[in-house]
PDB file of N, CA and C in Angstrom:
ATOM      1  N   UNK A   1     -33.653 -55.206 183.874  1.00  0.00           N
ATOM      2  CA  UNK A   1     -32.262 -55.177 184.226  1.00  0.00           C
ATOM      3  C   UNK A   1     -31.929 -56.458 184.984  1.00  0.00           C
ATOM      4  N   UNK A   2     -30.889 -57.132 184.571  1.00  0.00           N
ATOM      5  CA  UNK A   2     -30.486 -58.348 185.260  1.00  0.00           C
ATOM      6  C   UNK A   2     -29.293 -58.061 186.162  1.00  0.00           C
ATOM      7  N   UNK A   3     -29.275 -58.766 187.277  1.00  0.00           N
ATOM      8  CA  UNK A   3     -28.171 -58.652 188.229  1.00  0.00           C
ATOM      9  C   UNK A   3     -28.100 -59.956 189.004  1.00  0.00           C
ATOM     10  N   UNK A   4     -27.008 -60.161 189.715  1.00  0.00           N
ATOM     11  CA  UNK A   4     -26.892 -61.393 190.484  1.00  0.00           C
ATOM     12  C   UNK A   4     -27.480 -61.206 191.881  1.00  0.00           C
ATOM     13  N   UNK A   5     -27.402 -62.253 192.682  1.00  0.00           N
ATOM     14  CA  UNK A   5     -28.051 -62.272 193.993  1.00  0.00           C
ATOM     15  C   UNK A   5     -27.542 -61.197 194.948  1.00  0.00           C
ATOM     16  N   UNK A   6     -26.346 -60.702 194.722  1.00  0.00           N
ATOM     17  CA  UNK A   6     -25.798 -59.684 195.613  1.00  0.00           C
ATOM     18  C   UNK A   6     -26.628 -58.403 195.579  1.00  0.00           C
ATOM     19  N   UNK A   7     -27.373 -58.176 194.506  1.00  0.00           N
ATOM     20  CA  UNK A   7     -28.184 -56.976 194.360  1.00  0.00           C
ATOM     21  C   UNK A   7     -29.618 -57.177 194.832  1.00  0.00           C
ATOM     22  N   UNK A   8     -29.889 -58.251 195.559  1.00  0.00           N
ATOM     23  CA  UNK A   8     -31.221 -58.524 196.096  1.00  0.00           C
ATOM     24  C   UNK A   8     -31.427 -57.698 197.369  1.00  0.00           C
ATOM     25  N   UNK A   9     -31.548 -56.393 197.196  1.00  0.00           N
ATOM     26  CA  UNK A   9     -31.744 -55.478 198.329  1.00  0.00           C
ATOM     27  C   UNK A   9     -32.885 -54.527 198.003  1.00  0.00           C
ATOM     28  N   UNK A  10     -33.428 -53.924 199.036  1.00  0.00           N
ATOM     29  CA  UNK A  10     -34.518 -52.967 198.843  1.00  0.00           C
ATOM     30  C   UNK A  10     -34.056 -51.751 198.035  1.00  0.00           C
ATOM     31  N   UNK A  11     -32.864 -51.275 198.314  1.00  0.00           N
ATOM     32  CA  UNK A  11     -32.346 -50.086 197.616  1.00  0.00           C
ATOM     33  C   UNK A  11     -32.213 -50.345 196.116  1.00  0.00           C
ATOM     34  N   UNK A  12     -31.653 -51.493 195.764  1.00  0.00           N
ATOM     35  CA  UNK A  12     -31.452 -51.802 194.345  1.00  0.00           C
ATOM     36  C   UNK A  12     -32.787 -51.975 193.628  1.00  0.00           C
ATOM     37  N   UNK A  13     -33.714 -52.704 194.242  1.00  0.00           N
ATOM     38  CA  UNK A  13     -35.019 -52.897 193.616  1.00  0.00           C
ATOM     39  C   UNK A  13     -35.745 -51.570 193.431  1.00  0.00           C
ATOM     40  N   UNK A  14     -35.693 -50.712 194.439  1.00  0.00           N
ATOM     41  CA  UNK A  14     -36.355 -49.408 194.352  1.00  0.00           C
ATOM     42  C   UNK A  14     -35.724 -48.538 193.265  1.00  0.00           C
ATOM     43  N   UNK A  15     -34.397 -48.559 193.165  1.00  0.00           N
ATOM     44  CA  UNK A  15     -33.717 -47.752 192.143  1.00  0.00           C
ATOM     45  C   UNK A  15     -34.051 -48.242 190.737  1.00  0.00           C
ATOM     46  N   UNK A  16     -34.149 -49.550 190.559  1.00  0.00           N
ATOM     47  CA  UNK A  16     -34.480 -50.102 189.242  1.00  0.00           C
ATOM     48  C   UNK A  16     -35.905 -49.732 188.862  1.00  0.00           C
ATOM     49  N   UNK A  17     -36.840 -49.896 189.791  1.00  0.00           N
ATOM     50  CA  UNK A  17     -38.236 -49.563 189.507  1.00  0.00           C
ATOM     51  C   UNK A  17     -38.437 -48.062 189.307  1.00  0.00           C
ATOM     52  N   UNK A  18     -37.632 -47.231 189.965  1.00  0.00           N
ATOM     53  CA  UNK A  18     -37.732 -45.784 189.786  1.00  0.00           C
ATOM     54  C   UNK A  18     -37.369 -45.361 188.369  1.00  0.00           C
ATOM     55  N   UNK A  19     -36.581 -46.169 187.692  1.00  0.00           N
ATOM     56  CA  UNK A  19     -36.180 -45.882 186.311  1.00  0.00           C
ATOM     57  C   UNK A  19     -37.068 -46.608 185.302  1.00  0.00           C
ATOM     58  N   UNK A  20     -38.217 -47.080 185.753  1.00  0.00           N
ATOM     59  CA  UNK A  20     -39.196 -47.789 184.914  1.00  0.00           C
ATOM     60  C   UNK A  20     -38.604 -49.018 184.239  1.00  0.00           C
ATOM     61  N   UNK A  21     -37.729 -49.719 184.930  1.00  0.00           N
ATOM     62  CA  UNK A  21     -37.161 -50.962 184.429  1.00  0.00           C
ATOM     63  C   UNK A  21     -37.692 -52.121 185.265  1.00  0.00           C
ATOM     64  N   UNK A  22     -37.527 -53.311 184.748  1.00  0.00           N
ATOM     65  CA  UNK A  22     -37.982 -54.505 185.452  1.00  0.00           C
ATOM     66  C   UNK A  22     -36.766 -55.193 186.060  1.00  0.00           C
ATOM     67  N   UNK A  23     -36.756 -55.378 187.383  1.00  0.00           N
ATOM     68  CA  UNK A  23     -35.610 -56.067 187.989  1.00  0.00           C
ATOM     69  C   UNK A  23     -35.709 -57.576 187.783  1.00  0.00           C
ATOM     70  N   UNK A  24     -34.674 -58.154 187.218  1.00  0.00           N
ATOM     71  CA  UNK A  24     -34.582 -59.609 187.080  1.00  0.00           C
ATOM     72  C   UNK A  24     -33.397 -60.038 187.930  1.00  0.00           C
ATOM     73  N   UNK A  25     -33.693 -60.200 189.215  1.00  0.00           N
ATOM     74  CA  UNK A  25     -32.666 -60.535 190.199  1.00  0.00           C
ATOM     75  C   UNK A  25     -33.116 -61.793 190.928  1.00  0.00           C
ATOM     76  N   UNK A  26     -32.345 -62.867 190.854  1.00  0.00           N
ATOM     77  CA  UNK A  26     -32.755 -64.066 191.590  1.00  0.00           C
ATOM     78  C   UNK A  26     -32.705 -63.813 193.092  1.00  0.00           C
ATOM     79  N   UNK A  27     -33.639 -64.420 193.780  1.00  0.00           N
ATOM     80  CA  UNK A  27     -33.718 -64.261 195.228  1.00  0.00           C
ATOM     81  C   UNK A  27     -32.664 -65.153 195.885  1.00  0.00           C
ATOM     82  N   UNK A  28     -32.069 -64.667 196.945  1.00  0.00           N
ATOM     83  CA  UNK A  28     -31.101 -65.481 197.683  1.00  0.00           C
ATOM     84  C   UNK A  28     -31.780 -66.738 198.208  1.00  0.00           C
ATOM     85  N   UNK A  29     -31.015 -67.790 198.393  1.00  0.00           N
ATOM     86  CA  UNK A  29     -31.592 -69.049 198.862  1.00  0.00           C
ATOM     87  C   UNK A  29     -32.218 -68.911 200.240  1.00  0.00           C
ATOM     88  N   UNK A  30     -31.713 -67.986 201.034  1.00  0.00           N
ATOM     89  CA  UNK A  30     -32.270 -67.751 202.364  1.00  0.00           C
ATOM     90  C   UNK A  30     -33.281 -66.611 202.358  1.00  0.00           C
ATOM     91  N   UNK A  31     -33.741 -66.213 201.180  1.00  0.00           N
ATOM     92  CA  UNK A  31     -34.644 -65.072 201.043  1.00  0.00           C
ATOM     93  C   UNK A  31     -36.002 -65.320 201.672  1.00  0.00           C
ATOM     94  N   UNK A  32     -36.529 -64.299 202.295  1.00  0.00           N
ATOM     95  CA  UNK A  32     -37.853 -64.335 202.915  1.00  0.00           C
ATOM     96  C   UNK A  32     -38.716 -63.246 202.263  1.00  0.00           C
ATOM     97  N   UNK A  33     -40.004 -63.355 202.496  1.00  0.00           N
ATOM     98  CA  UNK A  33     -40.923 -62.340 201.970  1.00  0.00           C
ATOM     99  C   UNK A  33     -40.649 -61.005 202.666  1.00  0.00           C
ATOM    100  N   UNK A  34     -40.741 -59.935 201.888  1.00  0.00           N
ATOM    101  CA  UNK A  34     -40.617 -58.600 202.452  1.00  0.00           C
ATOM    102  C   UNK A  34     -42.005 -58.068 202.810  1.00  0.00           C
ATOM    103  N   UNK A  35     -42.065 -57.178 203.777  1.00  0.00           N
ATOM    104  CA  UNK A  35     -43.325 -56.519 204.088  1.00  0.00           C
ATOM    105  C   UNK A  35     -43.672 -55.639 202.894  1.00  0.00           C
ATOM    106  N   UNK A  36     -44.871 -55.811 202.360  1.00  0.00           N
ATOM    107  CA  UNK A  36     -45.251 -55.115 201.126  1.00  0.00           C
ATOM    108  C   UNK A  36     -45.594 -53.658 201.420  1.00  0.00           C
ATOM    109  N   UNK A  37     -44.542 -52.846 201.531  1.00  0.00           N
ATOM    110  CA  UNK A  37     -44.724 -51.436 201.820  1.00  0.00           C
ATOM    111  C   UNK A  37     -44.371 -50.542 200.640  1.00  0.00           C
ATOM    112  N   UNK A  38     -44.171 -51.129 199.481  1.00  0.00           N
ATOM    113  CA  UNK A  38     -43.855 -50.345 198.297  1.00  0.00           C
ATOM    114  C   UNK A  38     -43.784 -51.229 197.071  1.00  0.00           C
ATOM    115  N   UNK A  39     -43.652 -50.624 195.897  1.00  0.00           N
ATOM    116  CA  UNK A  39     -43.622 -51.408 194.654  1.00  0.00           C
ATOM    117  C   UNK A  39     -42.416 -52.336 194.555  1.00  0.00           C
ATOM    118  N   UNK A  40     -41.300 -51.968 195.152  1.00  0.00           N
ATOM    119  CA  UNK A  40     -40.111 -52.828 195.097  1.00  0.00           C
ATOM    120  C   UNK A  40     -40.369 -54.124 195.862  1.00  0.00           C
ATOM    121  N   UNK A  41     -40.998 -54.028 197.013  1.00  0.00           N
ATOM    122  CA  UNK A  41     -41.287 -55.220 197.809  1.00  0.00           C
ATOM    123  C   UNK A  41     -42.313 -56.101 197.114  1.00  0.00           C
ATOM    124  N   UNK A  42     -43.304 -55.487 196.482  1.00  0.00           N
ATOM    125  CA  UNK A  42     -44.323 -56.262 195.776  1.00  0.00           C
ATOM    126  C   UNK A  42     -43.699 -57.029 194.618  1.00  0.00           C
ATOM    127  N   UNK A  43     -42.841 -56.380 193.829  1.00  0.00           N
ATOM    128  CA  UNK A  43     -42.188 -57.042 192.699  1.00  0.00           C
ATOM    129  C   UNK A  43     -41.270 -58.175 193.166  1.00  0.00           C
ATOM    130  N   UNK A  44     -40.543 -57.937 194.237  1.00  0.00           N
ATOM    131  CA  UNK A  44     -39.635 -58.966 194.747  1.00  0.00           C
ATOM    132  C   UNK A  44     -40.403 -60.153 195.304  1.00  0.00           C
ATOM    133  N   UNK A  45     -41.505 -59.901 196.005  1.00  0.00           N
ATOM    134  CA  UNK A  45     -42.306 -60.995 196.538  1.00  0.00           C
ATOM    135  C   UNK A  45     -42.917 -61.835 195.421  1.00  0.00           C
ATOM    136  N   UNK A  46     -43.301 -61.202 194.315  1.00  0.00           N
ATOM    137  CA  UNK A  46     -43.803 -61.959 193.158  1.00  0.00           C
ATOM    138  C   UNK A  46     -42.705 -62.858 192.597  1.00  0.00           C
ATOM    139  N   UNK A  47     -41.485 -62.343 192.532  1.00  0.00           N
ATOM    140  CA  UNK A  47     -40.358 -63.149 192.068  1.00  0.00           C
ATOM    141  C   UNK A  47     -40.118 -64.322 193.004  1.00  0.00           C
ATOM    142  N   UNK A  48     -40.196 -64.081 194.286  1.00  0.00           N
ATOM    143  CA  UNK A  48     -39.996 -65.148 195.268  1.00  0.00           C
ATOM    144  C   UNK A  48     -41.076 -66.213 195.144  1.00  0.00           C
ATOM    145  N   UNK A  49     -42.331 -65.796 194.963  1.00  0.00           N
ATOM    146  CA  UNK A  49     -43.420 -66.762 194.790  1.00  0.00           C
ATOM    147  C   UNK A  49     -43.222 -67.597 193.532  1.00  0.00           C
ATOM    148  N   UNK A  50     -42.845 -66.954 192.442  1.00  0.00           N
ATOM    149  CA  UNK A  50     -42.634 -67.682 191.187  1.00  0.00           C
ATOM    150  C   UNK A  50     -41.468 -68.656 191.316  1.00  0.00           C
ATOM    151  N   UNK A  51     -40.412 -68.235 191.981  1.00  0.00           N
ATOM    152  CA  UNK A  51     -39.253 -69.107 192.165  1.00  0.00           C
ATOM    153  C   UNK A  51     -39.616 -70.317 193.008  1.00  0.00           C
ATOM    154  N   UNK A  52     -40.366 -70.100 194.050  1.00  0.00           N
ATOM    155  CA  UNK A  52     -40.766 -71.222 194.914  1.00  0.00           C
ATOM    156  C   UNK A  52     -41.741 -72.160 194.213  1.00  0.00           C
ATOM    157  N   UNK A  53     -42.651 -71.602 193.423  1.00  0.00           N
ATOM    158  CA  UNK A  53     -43.673 -72.427 192.776  1.00  0.00           C
ATOM    159  C   UNK A  53     -43.126 -73.210 191.587  1.00  0.00           C
ATOM    160  N   UNK A  54     -42.379 -72.540 190.722  1.00  0.00           N
ATOM    161  CA  UNK A  54     -41.907 -73.165 189.487  1.00  0.00           C
ATOM    162  C   UNK A  54     -40.483 -73.700 189.570  1.00  0.00           C
ATOM    163  N   UNK A  55     -39.701 -73.237 190.516  1.00  0.00           N
ATOM    164  CA  UNK A  55     -38.311 -73.648 190.623  1.00  0.00           C
ATOM    165  C   UNK A  55     -37.385 -72.590 190.064  1.00  0.00           C
ATOM    166  N   UNK A  56     -36.173 -72.564 190.573  1.00  0.00           N
ATOM    167  CA  UNK A  56     -35.191 -71.549 190.196  1.00  0.00           C
ATOM    168  C   UNK A  56     -34.764 -71.665 188.733  1.00  0.00           C
ATOM    169  N   UNK A  57     -34.528 -72.881 188.246  1.00  0.00           N
ATOM    170  CA  UNK A  57     -34.092 -73.051 186.854  1.00  0.00           C
ATOM    171  C   UNK A  57     -35.159 -72.592 185.866  1.00  0.00           C
ATOM    172  N   UNK A  58     -36.408 -72.970 186.120  1.00  0.00           N
ATOM    173  CA  UNK A  58     -37.484 -72.543 185.225  1.00  0.00           C
ATOM    174  C   UNK A  58     -37.621 -71.022 185.240  1.00  0.00           C
ATOM    175  N   UNK A  59     -37.531 -70.412 186.430  1.00  0.00           N
ATOM    176  CA  UNK A  59     -37.644 -68.956 186.527  1.00  0.00           C
ATOM    177  C   UNK A  59     -36.542 -68.271 185.720  1.00  0.00           C
ATOM    178  N   UNK A  60     -35.321 -68.803 185.787  1.00  0.00           N
ATOM    179  CA  UNK A  60     -34.206 -68.202 185.056  1.00  0.00           C
ATOM    180  C   UNK A  60     -34.422 -68.298 183.549  1.00  0.00           C
ATOM    181  N   UNK A  61     -34.940 -69.422 183.063  1.00  0.00           N
ATOM    182  CA  UNK A  61     -35.219 -69.561 181.629  1.00  0.00           C
ATOM    183  C   UNK A  61     -36.373 -68.664 181.216  1.00  0.00           C
ATOM    184  N   UNK A  62     -37.407 -68.589 182.037  1.00  0.00           N
ATOM    185  CA  UNK A  62     -38.610 -67.831 181.731  1.00  0.00           C
ATOM    186  C   UNK A  62     -38.330 -66.332 181.659  1.00  0.00           C
ATOM    187  N   UNK A  63     -37.477 -65.829 182.534  1.00  0.00           N
ATOM    188  CA  UNK A  63     -37.175 -64.396 182.561  1.00  0.00           C
ATOM    189  C   UNK A  63     -36.029 -64.006 181.641  1.00  0.00           C
ATOM    190  N   UNK A  64     -35.285 -64.974 181.121  1.00  0.00           N
ATOM    191  CA  UNK A  64     -34.141 -64.665 180.279  1.00  0.00           C
ATOM    192  C   UNK A  64     -32.925 -64.265 181.077  1.00  0.00           C
ATOM    193  N   UNK A  65     -32.842 -64.699 182.325  1.00  0.00           N
ATOM    194  CA  UNK A  65     -31.743 -64.302 183.206  1.00  0.00           C
ATOM    195  C   UNK A  65     -30.389 -64.732 182.663  1.00  0.00           C
ATOM    196  N   UNK A  66     -30.306 -65.878 182.032  1.00  0.00           N
ATOM    197  CA  UNK A  66     -29.021 -66.411 181.566  1.00  0.00           C
ATOM    198  C   UNK A  66     -28.565 -65.835 180.231  1.00  0.00           C
ATOM    199  N   UNK A  67     -29.381 -65.022 179.602  1.00  0.00           N
ATOM    200  CA  UNK A  67     -29.039 -64.471 178.293  1.00  0.00           C
ATOM    201  C   UNK A  67     -27.749 -63.672 178.343  1.00  0.00           C
ATOM    202  N   UNK A  68     -27.587 -62.853 179.371  1.00  0.00           N
ATOM    203  CA  UNK A  68     -26.397 -62.007 179.468  1.00  0.00           C
ATOM    204  C   UNK A  68     -25.127 -62.846 179.545  1.00  0.00           C
ATOM    205  N   UNK A  69     -25.132 -63.891 180.364  1.00  0.00           N
ATOM    206  CA  UNK A  69     -23.923 -64.702 180.495  1.00  0.00           C
ATOM    207  C   UNK A  69     -23.622 -65.445 179.196  1.00  0.00           C
ATOM    208  N   UNK A  70     -24.667 -65.845 178.473  1.00  0.00           N
ATOM    209  CA  UNK A  70     -24.438 -66.513 177.182  1.00  0.00           C
ATOM    210  C   UNK A  70     -23.828 -65.545 176.168  1.00  0.00           C
ATOM    211  N   UNK A  71     -24.286 -64.308 176.172  1.00  0.00           N
ATOM    212  CA  UNK A  71     -23.742 -63.306 175.251  1.00  0.00           C
ATOM    213  C   UNK A  71     -22.287 -63.021 175.590  1.00  0.00           C
ATOM    214  N   UNK A  72     -21.989 -62.884 176.880  1.00  0.00           N
ATOM    215  CA  UNK A  72     -20.611 -62.637 177.284  1.00  0.00           C
ATOM    216  C   UNK A  72     -19.704 -63.799 176.894  1.00  0.00           C
ATOM    217  N   UNK A  73     -20.211 -65.009 176.964  1.00  0.00           N
ATOM    218  CA  UNK A  73     -19.422 -66.170 176.573  1.00  0.00           C
ATOM    219  C   UNK A  73     -19.183 -66.174 175.066  1.00  0.00           C
ATOM    220  N   UNK A  74     -20.178 -65.748 174.290  1.00  0.00           N
ATOM    221  CA  UNK A  74     -20.032 -65.720 172.839  1.00  0.00           C
ATOM    222  C   UNK A  74     -19.009 -64.686 172.381  1.00  0.00           C
ATOM    223  N   UNK A  75     -18.863 -63.613 173.127  1.00  0.00           N
ATOM    224  CA  UNK A  75     -17.904 -62.574 172.751  1.00  0.00           C
ATOM    225  C   UNK A  75     -16.497 -63.153 172.702  1.00  0.00           C
ATOM    226  N   UNK A  76     -16.205 -64.104 173.567  1.00  0.00           N
ATOM    227  CA  UNK A  76     -14.868 -64.671 173.648  1.00  0.00           C
ATOM    228  C   UNK A  76     -14.707 -65.941 172.808  1.00  0.00           C
ATOM    229  N   UNK A  77     -15.721 -66.304 172.017  1.00  0.00           N
ATOM    230  CA  UNK A  77     -15.640 -67.516 171.186  1.00  0.00           C
ATOM    231  C   UNK A  77     -14.522 -67.486 170.149  1.00  0.00           C
ATOM    232  N   UNK A  78     -14.280 -66.381 169.452  1.00  0.00           N
ATOM    233  CA  UNK A  78     -13.201 -66.418 168.461  1.00  0.00           C
ATOM    234  C   UNK A  78     -11.858 -66.849 169.034  1.00  0.00           C
ATOM    235  N   UNK A  79     -11.610 -66.545 170.303  1.00  0.00           N
ATOM    236  CA  UNK A  79     -10.364 -66.972 170.928  1.00  0.00           C
ATOM    237  C   UNK A  79     -10.291 -68.488 171.023  1.00  0.00           C
ATOM    238  N   UNK A  80     -11.410 -69.136 171.194  1.00  0.00           N
ATOM    239  CA  UNK A  80     -11.434 -70.590 171.337  1.00  0.00           C
ATOM    240  C   UNK A  80     -11.079 -71.297 170.037  1.00  0.00           C
ATOM    241  N   UNK A  81     -11.263 -70.620 168.921  1.00  0.00           N
ATOM    242  CA  UNK A  81     -10.997 -71.239 167.625  1.00  0.00           C
ATOM    243  C   UNK A  81      -9.608 -70.931 167.085  1.00  0.00           C
ATOM    244  N   UNK A  82      -8.735 -70.432 167.899  1.00  0.00           N
ATOM    245  CA  UNK A  82      -7.353 -70.256 167.500  1.00  0.00           C
ATOM    246  C   UNK A  82      -6.972 -68.851 167.098  1.00  0.00           C
ATOM    247  N   UNK A  83      -7.921 -67.991 166.868  1.00  0.00           N
ATOM    248  CA  UNK A  83      -7.572 -66.619 166.532  1.00  0.00           C
ATOM    249  C   UNK A  83      -7.070 -65.926 167.789  1.00  0.00           C
ATOM    250  N   UNK A  84      -6.097 -65.122 167.645  1.00  0.00           N
ATOM    251  CA  UNK A  84      -5.546 -64.413 168.793  1.00  0.00           C
ATOM    252  C   UNK A  84      -6.071 -62.985 168.795  1.00  0.00           C
ATOM    253  N   UNK A  85      -7.150 -62.777 169.492  1.00  0.00           N
ATOM    254  CA  UNK A  85      -7.733 -61.449 169.618  1.00  0.00           C
ATOM    255  C   UNK A  85      -7.411 -60.944 171.015  1.00  0.00           C
ATOM    256  N   UNK A  86      -6.728 -59.821 171.081  1.00  0.00           N
ATOM    257  CA  UNK A  86      -6.316 -59.286 172.370  1.00  0.00           C
ATOM    258  C   UNK A  86      -7.371 -58.350 172.961  1.00  0.00           C
ATOM    259  N   UNK A  87      -8.185 -57.735 172.097  1.00  0.00           N
ATOM    260  CA  UNK A  87      -9.167 -56.763 172.571  1.00  0.00           C
ATOM    261  C   UNK A  87     -10.317 -57.455 173.292  1.00  0.00           C
ATOM    262  N   UNK A  88     -10.917 -56.741 174.258  1.00  0.00           N
ATOM    263  CA  UNK A  88     -12.058 -57.286 174.985  1.00  0.00           C
ATOM    264  C   UNK A  88     -13.369 -56.650 174.548  1.00  0.00           C
ATOM    265  N   UNK A  89     -13.327 -55.389 174.162  1.00  0.00           N
ATOM    266  CA  UNK A  89     -14.542 -54.698 173.743  1.00  0.00           C
ATOM    267  C   UNK A  89     -14.962 -55.192 172.358  1.00  0.00           C
ATOM    268  N   UNK A  90     -16.261 -55.398 172.124  1.00  0.00           N
ATOM    269  CA  UNK A  90     -16.722 -55.903 170.829  1.00  0.00           C
ATOM    270  C   UNK A  90     -16.303 -55.030 169.647  1.00  0.00           C
ATOM    271  N   UNK A  91     -16.323 -53.695 169.831  1.00  0.00           N
ATOM    272  CA  UNK A  91     -15.942 -52.805 168.725  1.00  0.00           C
ATOM    273  C   UNK A  91     -14.476 -53.004 168.357  1.00  0.00           C
ATOM    274  N   UNK A  92     -13.635 -53.114 169.370  1.00  0.00           N
ATOM    275  CA  UNK A  92     -12.196 -53.296 169.119  1.00  0.00           C
ATOM    276  C   UNK A  92     -11.917 -54.683 168.561  1.00  0.00           C
ATOM    277  N   UNK A  93     -12.684 -55.685 168.985  1.00  0.00           N
ATOM    278  CA  UNK A  93     -12.513 -57.026 168.432  1.00  0.00           C
ATOM    279  C   UNK A  93     -12.817 -57.033 166.933  1.00  0.00           C
ATOM    280  N   UNK A  94     -13.885 -56.319 166.551  1.00  0.00           N
ATOM    281  CA  UNK A  94     -14.238 -56.251 165.133  1.00  0.00           C
ATOM    282  C   UNK A  94     -13.133 -55.577 164.333  1.00  0.00           C
ATOM    283  N   UNK A  95     -12.608 -54.482 164.874  1.00  0.00           N
ATOM    284  CA  UNK A  95     -11.520 -53.774 164.194  1.00  0.00           C
ATOM    285  C   UNK A  95     -10.287 -54.654 164.083  1.00  0.00           C
ATOM    286  N   UNK A  96      -9.942 -55.320 165.158  1.00  0.00           N
ATOM    287  CA  UNK A  96      -8.762 -56.185 165.159  1.00  0.00           C
ATOM    288  C   UNK A  96      -8.911 -57.340 164.171  1.00  0.00           C
ATOM    289  N   UNK A  97     -10.117 -57.889 164.083  1.00  0.00           N
ATOM    290  CA  UNK A  97     -10.378 -58.979 163.142  1.00  0.00           C
ATOM    291  C   UNK A  97     -10.251 -58.498 161.696  1.00  0.00           C
ATOM    292  N   UNK A  98     -10.792 -57.292 161.415  1.00  0.00           N
ATOM    293  CA  UNK A  98     -10.693 -56.734 160.059  1.00  0.00           C
ATOM    294  C   UNK A  98      -9.239 -56.473 159.684  1.00  0.00           C
ATOM    295  N   UNK A  99      -8.468 -55.933 160.602  1.00  0.00           N
ATOM    296  CA  UNK A  99      -7.071 -55.616 160.313  1.00  0.00           C
ATOM    297  C   UNK A  99      -6.267 -56.898 160.084  1.00  0.00           C
ATOM    298  N   UNK A 100      -6.550 -57.917 160.891  1.00  0.00           N
ATOM    299  CA  UNK A 100      -5.773 -59.162 160.746  1.00  0.00           C
ATOM    300  C   UNK A 100      -6.148 -59.941 159.496  1.00  0.00           C
ATOM    301  N   UNK A 101      -7.377 -59.750 158.993  1.00  0.00           N
ATOM    302  CA  UNK A 101      -7.772 -60.488 157.787  1.00  0.00           C
ATOM    303  C   UNK A 101      -7.573 -59.686 156.501  1.00  0.00           C
ATOM    304  N   UNK A 102      -7.120 -58.452 156.625  1.00  0.00           N
ATOM    305  CA  UNK A 102      -6.858 -57.630 155.440  1.00  0.00           C
ATOM    306  C   UNK A 102      -5.644 -58.173 154.673  1.00  0.00           C
ATOM    307  N   UNK A 103      -5.711 -58.127 153.345  1.00  0.00           N
ATOM    308  CA  UNK A 103      -4.546 -58.612 152.574  1.00  0.00           C
ATOM    309  C   UNK A 103      -3.350 -57.695 152.780  1.00  0.00           C
ATOM    310  N   UNK A 104      -2.170 -58.259 152.792  1.00  0.00           N
ATOM    311  CA  UNK A 104      -0.978 -57.427 152.991  1.00  0.00           C
ATOM    312  C   UNK A 104      -0.773 -56.456 151.839  1.00  0.00           C
ATOM    313  N   UNK A 105      -0.283 -55.265 152.158  1.00  0.00           N
ATOM    314  CA  UNK A 105      -0.085 -54.275 151.081  1.00  0.00           C
ATOM    315  C   UNK A 105       1.355 -54.134 150.716  1.00  0.00           C
TER     316      UNK A 105
END
């Protein structure tokens, strides 16, 4: 599960790990090591070590952190090419595109 730095908390990490998911949350720039008193702290400390050792940009590419933002940007690409799509949801965009490209009856 990916989230932004605002979710870099013990509660969020514990909730994600409780659902058997992997937290992909960048550590805040002022982030410090947590006392390793549970699996959430251990996972976060590993992320902090990797970020410090390899750098923040490499960590983001390695974990796929930027994938979500790229997908969200692609959803709005048809608007950039002149088509006027008013819907925001992908399902509604597909429907709107089909209706607008249908031959007139």
